[in-house]
Amino acid sequence: MNSNSSTEQFTNRWWLSAALLLTSLVVFLWCLSEYRAARRNLSVAAENLEECQDLGAKIAAWNTRPLVASLDATSSQELTQQITACVRQANIPARALKSISPMDSVRLGNTDYKQRQTQVRIDGIELGRLSGFQSALNEREGLYLRDLILTPGEGTNASIATEVWDARLTLTQLIYSPTSQ
């Protein structure tokens, strides 16, 4: 009976040790998997930070360039064509451009200038393509990005490397219009 009890204790301890070892192995593999995923996410976040810093530097440079006033207000049709051309040049899918809404021009105080704003909505855009749109816009004189509002777009989640954004842009056109005419 003593020998049987001793063998039974050994078997129970062996099974308990095996179960603990197996559980430890599973926990270790899970931790390793989480660690690797966290390193990948950190790498993507670092790349995104670098891209955002580059874009910020470009925006700062664009803000220092002088404004050029147009002699005439661009027609709504021509304005739409210019914006659509910038969208194409930035390789933004045409379906992403949701609206272009030109406003009436407004005189800037008691100056010889008027300002015309145009609201543009582009949905599901990557930051790199938005930067391309800005670059294409900068190649054309007379139309400037004044405001940009970004909200997370459909399809944005932590498990994909590329985030998409919905962009609301305010473009402005400066128009020379002397008051003494």
Protein backbone atom coordinates (compact mmCIF):
# COMPACT_ATOMS: atom_id res chain seq x y z
CA MET A 1 0.00 0.00 0.00
CA ASN A 2 2.88 2.24 0.76
CA SER A 3 4.50 1.56 -2.61
CA ASN A 4 1.20 2.19 -4.40
CA SER A 5 0.67 5.45 -2.56
CA SER A 6 4.21 6.56 -3.35
CA THR A 7 3.75 5.76 -7.05
CA GLU A 8 0.41 7.57 -7.06
CA GLN A 9 1.97 10.66 -5.45
CA PHE A 10 4.79 10.59 -8.01
CA THR A 11 2.28 10.33 -10.87
CA ASN A 12 0.16 13.17 -9.47
CA ARG A 13 3.21 15.36 -9.02
CA TRP A 14 4.40 14.51 -12.54
CA TRP A 15 1.01 15.48 -14.02
CA LEU A 16 0.90 18.65 -11.94
CA SER A 17 4.43 19.56 -13.04
CA ALA A 18 3.57 18.82 -16.66
CA ALA A 19 0.40 20.96 -16.44
CA LEU A 20 2.35 23.85 -14.87
CA LEU A 21 5.07 23.57 -17.48
CA LEU A 22 2.53 23.49 -20.31
CA THR A 23 0.66 26.48 -18.83
CA SER A 24 3.94 28.37 -18.45
CA LEU A 25 4.83 27.60 -22.07
CA VAL A 26 1.43 28.83 -23.31
CA VAL A 27 1.74 32.03 -21.26
CA PHE A 28 5.29 32.56 -22.54
CA LEU A 29 4.21 32.11 -26.18
CA TRP A 30 1.28 34.49 -25.70
CA CYS A 31 3.58 37.12 -24.11
CA LEU A 32 6.06 36.70 -26.95
CA SER A 33 3.29 37.19 -29.50
CA GLU A 34 2.05 40.34 -27.72
CA TYR A 35 5.62 41.66 -27.49
CA ARG A 36 6.17 41.20 -31.22
CA ALA A 37 2.84 42.89 -32.03
CA ALA A 38 3.74 45.80 -29.75
CA ARG A 39 7.13 46.19 -31.48
CA ARG A 40 5.44 46.23 -34.90
CA ASN A 41 2.94 48.85 -33.68
CA LEU A 42 5.77 50.91 -32.21
CA SER A 43 7.62 50.79 -35.52
CA VAL A 44 4.51 51.93 -37.41
CA ALA A 45 3.89 54.68 -34.86
CA ALA A 46 7.49 55.90 -35.24
CA GLU A 47 7.10 56.00 -39.03
CA ASN A 48 3.81 57.89 -38.68
CA LEU A 49 5.43 60.37 -36.31
CA GLU A 50 8.25 60.98 -38.76
CA GLU A 51 5.76 61.48 -41.60
CA CYS A 52 3.70 63.90 -39.49
CA GLN A 53 6.82 65.89 -38.60
CA ASP A 54 7.78 66.07 -42.29
CA LEU A 55 4.27 67.23 -43.19
CA GLY A 56 4.35 69.80 -40.39
CA ALA A 57 7.62 71.17 -41.73
CA LYS A 58 6.12 71.41 -45.23
CA ILE A 59 3.06 73.22 -43.89
CA ALA A 60 5.27 75.66 -41.99
CA ALA A 61 7.24 76.35 -45.18
CA TRP A 62 4.04 76.86 -47.17
CA ASN A 63 2.77 79.33 -44.59
CA THR A 64 5.80 81.57 -45.12
CA ARG A 65 5.44 81.94 -48.85
CA PRO A 66 3.89 85.21 -50.05
CA LEU A 67 0.27 85.33 -51.20
CA VAL A 68 -0.43 86.27 -54.79
CA ALA A 69 -3.68 88.07 -55.50
CA SER A 70 -5.70 87.34 -58.61
CA LEU A 71 -7.02 90.15 -60.75
CA ASP A 72 -10.37 88.40 -61.24
CA ALA A 73 -12.37 85.93 -59.20
CA THR A 74 -12.10 82.43 -60.62
CA SER A 75 -15.44 81.10 -61.86
CA SER A 76 -17.01 78.28 -59.86
CA GLN A 77 -16.56 75.92 -62.82
CA GLU A 78 -12.88 76.78 -63.24
CA LEU A 79 -12.33 76.51 -59.48
CA THR A 80 -13.92 73.04 -59.46
CA GLN A 81 -11.70 72.02 -62.40
CA GLN A 82 -8.56 73.23 -60.59
CA ILE A 83 -9.43 71.37 -57.38
CA THR A 84 -10.35 68.21 -59.29
CA ALA A 85 -7.02 68.41 -61.16
CA CYS A 86 -5.17 68.66 -57.81
CA VAL A 87 -7.09 65.60 -56.57
CA ARG A 88 -6.06 63.65 -59.68
CA GLN A 89 -2.45 64.81 -59.42
CA ALA A 90 -2.31 63.57 -55.79
CA ASN A 91 -3.69 60.14 -56.87
CA ILE A 92 -6.76 60.58 -54.70
CA PRO A 93 -9.69 58.45 -55.94
CA ALA A 94 -12.38 60.65 -57.51
CA ARG A 95 -15.01 59.06 -55.24
CA ALA A 96 -13.16 60.49 -52.19
CA LEU A 97 -13.91 64.08 -53.30
CA LYS A 98 -17.34 64.58 -51.76
CA SER A 99 -17.97 68.29 -52.28
CA ILE A 100 -16.61 71.62 -53.50
CA SER A 101 -18.59 74.63 -52.25
CA PRO A 102 -17.39 78.07 -53.39
CA MET A 103 -18.63 81.01 -51.30
CA ASP A 104 -19.16 84.64 -52.29
CA SER A 105 -16.14 86.89 -52.05
CA VAL A 106 -15.89 89.26 -49.07
CA ARG A 107 -13.94 92.52 -48.91
CA LEU A 108 -11.09 92.45 -46.39
CA GLY A 109 -11.80 95.55 -44.29
CA ASN A 110 -11.06 98.83 -46.06
CA THR A 111 -8.45 97.29 -48.35
CA ASP A 112 -8.30 96.80 -52.10
CA TYR A 113 -8.63 93.04 -51.63
CA LYS A 114 -11.42 90.54 -51.45
CA GLN A 115 -11.22 86.99 -50.19
CA ARG A 116 -13.21 84.09 -51.54
CA GLN A 117 -13.45 80.89 -49.55
CA THR A 118 -14.20 77.44 -50.92
CA GLN A 119 -15.12 74.52 -48.68
CA VAL A 120 -13.79 71.15 -49.88
CA ARG A 121 -14.61 67.77 -48.37
CA ILE A 122 -12.44 64.72 -49.08
CA ASP A 123 -13.24 61.47 -47.26
CA GLY A 124 -11.11 58.38 -46.70
CA ILE A 125 -7.76 60.02 -47.53
CA GLU A 126 -4.30 59.01 -46.37
CA LEU A 127 -2.04 61.74 -44.98
CA GLY A 128 0.49 61.21 -47.76
CA ARG A 129 -2.14 61.82 -50.42
CA LEU A 130 -3.40 64.87 -48.56
CA SER A 131 0.17 66.18 -48.63
CA GLY A 132 0.23 65.48 -52.37
CA PHE A 133 -3.00 67.46 -52.76
CA GLN A 134 -1.41 70.37 -50.88
CA SER A 135 1.68 70.18 -53.10
CA ALA A 136 -0.47 70.19 -56.24
CA LEU A 137 -2.42 73.14 -54.86
CA ASN A 138 0.81 75.05 -54.16
CA GLU A 139 1.87 74.64 -57.78
CA ARG A 140 -1.10 76.80 -58.76
CA GLU A 141 -0.90 80.40 -57.70
CA GLY A 142 -3.92 82.16 -56.28
CA LEU A 143 -5.56 79.31 -54.32
CA TYR A 144 -4.37 78.65 -50.77
CA LEU A 145 -5.21 76.22 -47.99
CA ARG A 146 -6.39 78.25 -45.02
CA ASP A 147 -7.95 75.67 -42.69
CA LEU A 148 -7.80 71.92 -42.40
CA ILE A 149 -9.89 69.75 -40.10
CA LEU A 150 -9.12 66.03 -39.94
CA THR A 151 -11.37 63.42 -38.38
CA PRO A 152 -10.77 59.66 -38.32
CA GLY A 153 -12.20 58.15 -41.47
CA GLU A 154 -13.95 54.89 -42.08
CA GLY A 155 -11.49 52.00 -41.99
CA THR A 156 -9.16 53.57 -39.43
CA ASN A 157 -8.11 51.08 -36.78
CA ALA A 158 -5.01 50.03 -34.92
CA SER A 159 -4.64 46.73 -36.77
CA ILE A 160 -3.85 48.31 -40.16
CA ALA A 161 -0.73 50.26 -40.96
CA THR A 162 -2.44 52.94 -43.06
CA GLU A 163 -4.93 55.26 -41.43
CA VAL A 164 -7.49 57.14 -43.46
CA TRP A 165 -8.96 60.51 -42.58
CA ASP A 166 -11.92 62.64 -43.55
CA ALA A 167 -10.64 66.12 -44.44
CA ARG A 168 -12.57 69.38 -44.40
CA LEU A 169 -10.51 72.05 -46.13
CA THR A 170 -11.07 75.77 -46.51
CA LEU A 171 -9.31 77.12 -49.58
CA THR A 172 -9.01 80.84 -50.13
CA GLN A 173 -8.45 83.01 -53.15
CA LEU A 174 -7.17 86.55 -52.70
CA ILE A 175 -8.59 88.94 -55.31
CA TYR A 176 -7.28 92.42 -56.09
CA SER A 177 -10.33 94.64 -56.38
CA PRO A 178 -9.58 98.36 -55.91
CA THR A 179 -12.27 100.27 -54.08
CA SER A 180 -11.53 103.47 -56.05
CA GLN A 181 -12.91 102.38 -59.43
